[in-house]
Amino acid sequence: QVHVVESGGGSVQPGGSLTLSCAASGLTDNRSPMGWHRQAPGEERELVASITSSDSTFYIDRVKGRFTISRQEDKNTIRLQMNNLKPNDTAVYYCRATDLHVRSDYWGKGTLVTVSS
């Protein structure tokens, strides 16, 4: 059974930083593709950043230069370092892990990030 658990959300002032962590267990491989998505109130969920099995990374334009996604050792554990946060970064952030062998995505329950003065 696959479990995906996020941690590290919270409230911060504009310009501040937060680090989100995600641990996935039960996947076939120990270096699965993973990513961070977010959903702001009244909006659709969007991809923020992703990392492949070989640790290639992708970012949407709005977070390039501010967010960094990384994998911890040879595990299905990733982090999202978020710097210079802006009010429009406020959202529930979800971790997604992909099991390529069964072609399925698994999601965490989400962690709230609030950026406000």
N, C-alpha and C. Protein backbone atom coordinates (compact mmCIF):
# COMPACT_ATOMS: atom_id res chain seq x y z
N GLN A 1 0.85 -1.19 0.00
CA GLN A 1 0.00 0.00 0.00
C GLN A 1 0.88 1.24 0.00
N VAL A 2 0.54 2.20 -0.84
CA VAL A 2 1.34 3.41 -0.97
C VAL A 2 0.83 4.49 -0.02
N HIS A 3 1.77 5.13 0.64
CA HIS A 3 1.45 6.26 1.52
C HIS A 3 2.30 7.45 1.11
N VAL A 4 1.68 8.62 1.04
CA VAL A 4 2.37 9.87 0.72
C VAL A 4 2.02 10.89 1.81
N VAL A 5 3.04 11.41 2.47
CA VAL A 5 2.80 12.29 3.61
C VAL A 5 3.63 13.56 3.46
N GLU A 6 2.95 14.71 3.52
CA GLU A 6 3.64 16.00 3.44
C GLU A 6 3.78 16.60 4.84
N SER A 7 4.75 17.50 4.96
CA SER A 7 4.91 18.25 6.20
C SER A 7 5.60 19.56 5.88
N GLY A 8 5.49 20.52 6.80
CA GLY A 8 6.27 21.75 6.68
C GLY A 8 5.48 22.99 6.29
N GLY A 9 4.19 22.90 6.10
CA GLY A 9 3.43 24.09 5.77
C GLY A 9 3.33 25.04 6.96
N GLY A 10 2.76 26.21 6.69
CA GLY A 10 2.58 27.18 7.76
C GLY A 10 2.33 28.56 7.22
N SER A 11 2.45 29.54 8.10
CA SER A 11 2.22 30.94 7.72
C SER A 11 3.54 31.70 7.73
N VAL A 12 3.70 32.59 6.76
CA VAL A 12 4.92 33.36 6.65
C VAL A 12 4.59 34.71 6.02
N GLN A 13 5.41 35.70 6.30
CA GLN A 13 5.22 37.01 5.70
C GLN A 13 5.81 37.04 4.30
N PRO A 14 5.34 37.94 3.46
CA PRO A 14 5.93 38.06 2.13
C PRO A 14 7.44 38.27 2.20
N GLY A 15 8.15 37.56 1.32
CA GLY A 15 9.60 37.60 1.35
C GLY A 15 10.22 36.52 2.19
N GLY A 16 9.41 35.82 2.97
CA GLY A 16 9.93 34.78 3.84
C GLY A 16 10.16 33.46 3.13
N SER A 17 10.57 32.46 3.89
CA SER A 17 10.90 31.15 3.34
C SER A 17 10.21 30.03 4.12
N LEU A 18 9.94 28.94 3.43
CA LEU A 18 9.42 27.73 4.04
C LEU A 18 10.01 26.54 3.29
N THR A 19 10.12 25.41 3.98
CA THR A 19 10.55 24.16 3.35
C THR A 19 9.48 23.11 3.57
N LEU A 20 9.00 22.53 2.47
CA LEU A 20 8.05 21.44 2.55
C LEU A 20 8.79 20.12 2.33
N SER A 21 8.35 19.08 3.04
CA SER A 21 8.93 17.75 2.88
C SER A 21 7.83 16.76 2.53
N CYS A 22 8.21 15.71 1.80
CA CYS A 22 7.26 14.68 1.40
C CYS A 22 7.97 13.34 1.43
N ALA A 23 7.35 12.37 2.07
CA ALA A 23 7.87 11.01 2.11
C ALA A 23 6.83 10.06 1.55
N ALA A 24 7.23 9.26 0.56
CA ALA A 24 6.34 8.28 -0.04
C ALA A 24 6.89 6.88 0.23
N SER A 25 6.02 5.99 0.62
CA SER A 25 6.42 4.60 0.88
C SER A 25 5.51 3.65 0.11
N GLY A 26 6.01 2.46 -0.14
CA GLY A 26 5.21 1.45 -0.82
C GLY A 26 5.29 1.48 -2.33
N LEU A 27 6.14 2.35 -2.89
CA LEU A 27 6.29 2.40 -4.35
C LEU A 27 7.22 1.30 -4.83
N THR A 28 7.11 0.94 -6.11
CA THR A 28 7.93 -0.13 -6.65
C THR A 28 9.42 0.24 -6.66
N ASP A 29 9.73 1.44 -7.10
CA ASP A 29 11.12 1.91 -7.16
C ASP A 29 11.40 2.87 -6.01
N ASN A 30 12.69 2.98 -5.64
CA ASN A 30 13.03 3.91 -4.56
C ASN A 30 13.51 5.25 -5.09
N ARG A 31 13.37 5.47 -6.40
CA ARG A 31 13.65 6.79 -7.00
C ARG A 31 12.56 7.07 -8.02
N SER A 32 11.36 7.20 -7.54
CA SER A 32 10.20 7.41 -8.42
C SER A 32 10.07 8.88 -8.79
N PRO A 33 9.46 9.16 -9.93
CA PRO A 33 9.15 10.56 -10.26
C PRO A 33 8.19 11.13 -9.22
N MET A 34 8.47 12.35 -8.78
CA MET A 34 7.61 12.97 -7.77
C MET A 34 7.46 14.45 -8.10
N GLY A 35 6.49 15.06 -7.47
CA GLY A 35 6.27 16.48 -7.74
C GLY A 35 5.44 17.16 -6.67
N TRP A 36 5.46 18.48 -6.73
CA TRP A 36 4.64 19.31 -5.86
C TRP A 36 3.61 20.04 -6.72
N HIS A 37 2.37 19.99 -6.28
CA HIS A 37 1.27 20.69 -6.92
C HIS A 37 0.64 21.59 -5.87
N ARG A 38 -0.11 22.58 -6.31
CA ARG A 38 -0.79 23.44 -5.35
C ARG A 38 -2.17 23.83 -5.87
N GLN A 39 -3.03 24.14 -4.91
CA GLN A 39 -4.38 24.58 -5.27
C GLN A 39 -4.77 25.75 -4.38
N ALA A 40 -4.95 26.89 -5.01
CA ALA A 40 -5.40 28.08 -4.29
C ALA A 40 -6.93 28.09 -4.25
N PRO A 41 -7.51 28.82 -3.31
CA PRO A 41 -8.98 28.87 -3.20
C PRO A 41 -9.62 29.31 -4.52
N GLY A 42 -10.59 28.54 -4.98
CA GLY A 42 -11.32 28.89 -6.19
C GLY A 42 -10.59 28.60 -7.48
N GLU A 43 -9.41 27.98 -7.39
CA GLU A 43 -8.63 27.70 -8.59
C GLU A 43 -8.38 26.21 -8.73
N GLU A 44 -7.95 25.82 -9.93
CA GLU A 44 -7.63 24.43 -10.17
C GLU A 44 -6.24 24.10 -9.62
N ARG A 45 -6.03 22.83 -9.35
CA ARG A 45 -4.71 22.39 -8.90
C ARG A 45 -3.72 22.53 -10.05
N GLU A 46 -2.52 23.02 -9.74
CA GLU A 46 -1.50 23.19 -10.77
C GLU A 46 -0.18 22.58 -10.32
N LEU A 47 0.59 22.11 -11.29
CA LEU A 47 1.94 21.63 -11.02
C LEU A 47 2.83 22.81 -10.69
N VAL A 48 3.64 22.67 -9.66
CA VAL A 48 4.60 23.71 -9.27
C VAL A 48 6.01 23.31 -9.67
N ALA A 49 6.40 22.11 -9.29
CA ALA A 49 7.76 21.63 -9.57
C ALA A 49 7.74 20.11 -9.57
N SER A 50 8.64 19.51 -10.34
CA SER A 50 8.71 18.06 -10.38
C SER A 50 10.16 17.60 -10.51
N ILE A 51 10.38 16.33 -10.15
CA ILE A 51 11.71 15.75 -10.23
C ILE A 51 11.57 14.34 -10.79
N THR A 52 12.44 13.99 -11.74
CA THR A 52 12.35 12.68 -12.38
C THR A 52 13.16 11.64 -11.61
N SER A 53 13.11 10.40 -12.09
CA SER A 53 13.88 9.32 -11.47
C SER A 53 15.38 9.59 -11.52
N SER A 54 15.82 10.33 -12.51
CA SER A 54 17.24 10.68 -12.64
C SER A 54 17.54 12.08 -12.10
N ASP A 55 16.58 12.64 -11.37
CA ASP A 55 16.72 13.93 -10.67
C ASP A 55 16.76 15.14 -11.60
N SER A 56 16.24 15.02 -12.80
CA SER A 56 16.01 16.22 -13.61
C SER A 56 14.81 16.95 -13.02
N THR A 57 14.87 18.28 -13.06
CA THR A 57 13.82 19.06 -12.41
C THR A 57 13.09 19.97 -13.40
N PHE A 58 11.87 20.31 -13.02
CA PHE A 58 11.04 21.22 -13.81
C PHE A 58 10.35 22.17 -12.85
N TYR A 59 10.22 23.43 -13.28
CA TYR A 59 9.51 24.45 -12.48
C TYR A 59 8.59 25.25 -13.40
N ILE A 60 7.46 25.65 -12.87
CA ILE A 60 6.65 26.59 -13.63
C ILE A 60 7.33 27.96 -13.54
N ASP A 61 7.04 28.81 -14.52
CA ASP A 61 7.75 30.09 -14.60
C ASP A 61 7.59 30.94 -13.34
N ARG A 62 6.43 30.90 -12.74
CA ARG A 62 6.16 31.79 -11.60
C ARG A 62 6.99 31.48 -10.37
N VAL A 63 7.63 30.29 -10.32
CA VAL A 63 8.43 29.95 -9.14
C VAL A 63 9.90 29.79 -9.47
N LYS A 64 10.27 29.87 -10.74
CA LYS A 64 11.67 29.72 -11.12
C LYS A 64 12.54 30.76 -10.41
N GLY A 65 13.66 30.29 -9.87
CA GLY A 65 14.55 31.19 -9.16
C GLY A 65 14.18 31.40 -7.70
N ARG A 66 12.99 30.95 -7.31
CA ARG A 66 12.56 31.10 -5.91
C ARG A 66 12.38 29.76 -5.21
N PHE A 67 11.93 28.75 -5.94
CA PHE A 67 11.67 27.43 -5.36
C PHE A 67 12.74 26.44 -5.86
N THR A 68 13.08 25.48 -5.00
CA THR A 68 14.02 24.42 -5.38
C THR A 68 13.47 23.08 -4.90
N ILE A 69 13.33 22.15 -5.83
CA ILE A 69 12.90 20.80 -5.48
C ILE A 69 14.13 19.90 -5.43
N SER A 70 14.19 19.02 -4.45
CA SER A 70 15.34 18.13 -4.33
C SER A 70 14.92 16.80 -3.75
N ARG A 71 15.72 15.78 -4.05
CA ARG A 71 15.47 14.43 -3.52
C ARG A 71 16.51 14.15 -2.44
N GLN A 72 16.07 13.48 -1.40
CA GLN A 72 16.96 13.15 -0.29
C GLN A 72 17.53 11.74 -0.47
N GLU A 73 18.79 11.64 -0.78
CA GLU A 73 19.48 10.36 -0.98
C GLU A 73 18.74 9.53 -2.03
N ASP A 74 18.86 8.24 -1.98
CA ASP A 74 18.18 7.35 -2.93
C ASP A 74 16.85 6.90 -2.35
N LYS A 75 15.99 7.89 -2.11
CA LYS A 75 14.72 7.57 -1.49
C LYS A 75 13.59 8.31 -2.19
N ASN A 76 12.39 7.90 -1.87
CA ASN A 76 11.22 8.64 -2.34
C ASN A 76 10.85 9.69 -1.30
N THR A 77 11.83 10.52 -1.02
CA THR A 77 11.64 11.64 -0.10
C THR A 77 12.13 12.89 -0.79
N ILE A 78 11.26 13.87 -0.91
CA ILE A 78 11.64 15.11 -1.59
C ILE A 78 11.34 16.31 -0.71
N ARG A 79 11.98 17.41 -1.07
CA ARG A 79 11.74 18.67 -0.38
C ARG A 79 11.47 19.77 -1.40
N LEU A 80 10.77 20.78 -0.96
CA LEU A 80 10.56 21.98 -1.76
C LEU A 80 10.97 23.17 -0.91
N GLN A 81 12.12 23.74 -1.25
CA GLN A 81 12.58 24.94 -0.57
C GLN A 81 11.97 26.14 -1.28
N MET A 82 11.22 26.93 -0.53
CA MET A 82 10.50 28.07 -1.10
C MET A 82 11.04 29.36 -0.49
N ASN A 83 11.63 30.21 -1.32
CA ASN A 83 12.19 31.48 -0.86
C ASN A 83 11.44 32.65 -1.49
N ASN A 84 11.59 33.81 -0.89
CA ASN A 84 10.95 35.02 -1.41
C ASN A 84 9.47 34.77 -1.72
N LEU A 85 8.78 34.22 -0.74
CA LEU A 85 7.37 33.86 -0.94
C LEU A 85 6.51 35.09 -1.15
N LYS A 86 5.49 34.93 -1.98
CA LYS A 86 4.58 36.02 -2.32
C LYS A 86 3.16 35.64 -1.91
N PRO A 87 2.30 36.63 -1.72
CA PRO A 87 0.91 36.31 -1.34
C PRO A 87 0.23 35.34 -2.31
N ASN A 88 0.54 35.42 -3.60
CA ASN A 88 -0.12 34.51 -4.54
C ASN A 88 0.49 33.11 -4.55
N ASP A 89 1.44 32.86 -3.64
CA ASP A 89 1.90 31.49 -3.42
C ASP A 89 1.02 30.78 -2.40
N THR A 90 0.10 31.52 -1.78
CA THR A 90 -0.81 30.93 -0.81
C THR A 90 -1.66 29.85 -1.46
N ALA A 91 -1.62 28.66 -0.87
CA ALA A 91 -2.34 27.52 -1.45
C ALA A 91 -2.15 26.30 -0.55
N VAL A 92 -2.93 25.27 -0.83
CA VAL A 92 -2.64 23.97 -0.26
C VAL A 92 -1.67 23.27 -1.22
N TYR A 93 -0.56 22.82 -0.69
CA TYR A 93 0.46 22.17 -1.49
C TYR A 93 0.35 20.65 -1.32
N TYR A 94 0.30 19.96 -2.45
CA TYR A 94 0.16 18.52 -2.47
C TYR A 94 1.40 17.87 -3.07
N CYS A 95 1.82 16.77 -2.47
CA CYS A 95 2.90 15.97 -3.02
C CYS A 95 2.31 14.84 -3.85
N ARG A 96 2.92 14.58 -4.98
CA ARG A 96 2.48 13.52 -5.88
C ARG A 96 3.65 12.59 -6.16
N ALA A 97 3.42 11.29 -6.05
CA ALA A 97 4.43 10.28 -6.37
C ALA A 97 3.86 9.36 -7.45
N THR A 98 4.68 9.07 -8.43
CA THR A 98 4.24 8.25 -9.56
C THR A 98 4.92 6.90 -9.56
N ASP A 99 4.13 5.85 -9.62
CA ASP A 99 4.68 4.50 -9.75
C ASP A 99 4.60 4.12 -11.22
N LEU A 100 5.74 4.14 -11.91
CA LEU A 100 5.76 3.89 -13.35
C LEU A 100 5.36 2.45 -13.69
N HIS A 101 5.60 1.53 -12.77
CA HIS A 101 5.31 0.12 -13.06
C HIS A 101 3.81 -0.14 -13.14
N VAL A 102 3.04 0.56 -12.36
CA VAL A 102 1.59 0.38 -12.39
C VAL A 102 0.89 1.58 -13.00
N ARG A 103 1.71 2.56 -13.45
CA ARG A 103 1.18 3.75 -14.13
C ARG A 103 0.13 4.45 -13.30
N SER A 104 0.47 4.69 -12.04
CA SER A 104 -0.48 5.35 -11.14
C SER A 104 0.19 6.50 -10.40
N ASP A 105 -0.60 7.53 -10.13
CA ASP A 105 -0.17 8.64 -9.29
C ASP A 105 -0.80 8.49 -7.91
N TYR A 106 -0.02 8.84 -6.91
CA TYR A 106 -0.50 8.80 -5.53
C TYR A 106 -0.30 10.18 -4.92
N TRP A 107 -1.27 10.60 -4.11
CA TRP A 107 -1.27 11.96 -3.59
C TRP A 107 -1.29 11.98 -2.06
N GLY A 108 -0.63 12.99 -1.51
CA GLY A 108 -0.76 13.25 -0.10
C GLY A 108 -2.02 14.04 0.19
N LYS A 109 -2.29 14.31 1.46
CA LYS A 109 -3.50 15.03 1.83
C LYS A 109 -3.33 16.54 1.72
N GLY A 110 -2.10 17.00 1.56
CA GLY A 110 -1.85 18.42 1.39
C GLY A 110 -1.44 19.12 2.66
N THR A 111 -0.70 20.21 2.47
CA THR A 111 -0.28 21.05 3.59
C THR A 111 -0.48 22.51 3.19
N LEU A 112 -1.04 23.31 4.10
CA LEU A 112 -1.41 24.69 3.78
C LEU A 112 -0.22 25.63 3.95
N VAL A 113 0.00 26.45 2.93
CA VAL A 113 0.99 27.52 2.98
C VAL A 113 0.25 28.84 2.84
N THR A 114 0.43 29.72 3.81
CA THR A 114 -0.22 31.02 3.80
C THR A 114 0.85 32.11 3.83
N VAL A 115 0.80 32.99 2.85
CA VAL A 115 1.76 34.09 2.77
C VAL A 115 0.97 35.40 2.92
N SER A 116 1.17 36.04 4.03
CA SER A 116 0.37 37.24 4.32
C SER A 116 1.09 38.12 5.32
N SER A 117 0.89 39.42 5.17
CA SER A 117 1.47 40.36 6.13
C SER A 117 0.47 40.68 7.23
